[in-house]
Amino acid sequence: MKRKVTELVIILLVYLIQGTFGRTIAIGGIVPNLLIILPVLFGFFKGKNEGMFVGFFAGIMYDLFFSGLFGFSVLVFVYVGYYSGMFYKEYEKVEVLIPLAMVMLSDFIYEFLSYIGKFLLHNRLNADYFITKFIIPEMVYTLIIALVIYYPLMKLDTLLDLKWKKRKKGNFCLLYTSD
C-alpha cells in the first residue's frame, strides 16, 4: 500500500513538474513527455502489473490536462507499462540502455499515434515534416530527461523494496513466533 501511494505521489510530482515548468524547460517549443517515462521505468523495475498501474494513472493525469481526447493516453501508457514489464527480471536494473531504448520507442509510438489521430485523419499528410520537426526532437529530449531521472528512481525503487522486505520479514517473524 505504501508503495502504491509513493508511486501516485511520484506521478503527481512529475505531472506538476511537466505542467508548471514544461514551457520554461522547452527547447525550441519542444516539451519533453515526462509522464511516459514513469510506466516504462516502473514496468522495467517491478513488472507488468506495476507498469500498467503507473501507466494508468500517468495516462489519466496526461489526458486530464494535456490531451483533447480522454482515454487515448491512458490506453497507450498502460500498453507501454505492460510491454516494459515484459523485460522485468530479464535484465539488471543497472543496465540503463534497455529502459532508455524503451522510453525512446514508447515516446515515438505515442507521438506517432497522436499524429495519426490529430493530423492524418484530418487530411494533413506531411508525416516526415511532423516526425523530423516534432517527434524526433521530443523523443531525444525525453530520452535525456529519462537518463537524468533513471538512477534516482532506481534508488527509490530499491529503497521501497528494502522497506517492504524488512516489513514483510518482521511480520513473518511475528506470525511465526506467536504460535
Foldseek 3Di string as FASTA:
>chain_A
DVVLVVLLVVLVVQLCCCVPCQVVPDDPNAGADQLLLVLLLLLQAPALVRSLSSQQSNQQSCCVPPNPDRPLSNVLSSVLSNVSNVCHVVDDLVPPPVSLVSLLVSLLVSVVVVCCVPPVVVVNPPVVCCCVVHRVVNSVVNSVVSVVCSVVVVVVSVVVVVVVVVVVVVVVVVVVVVD
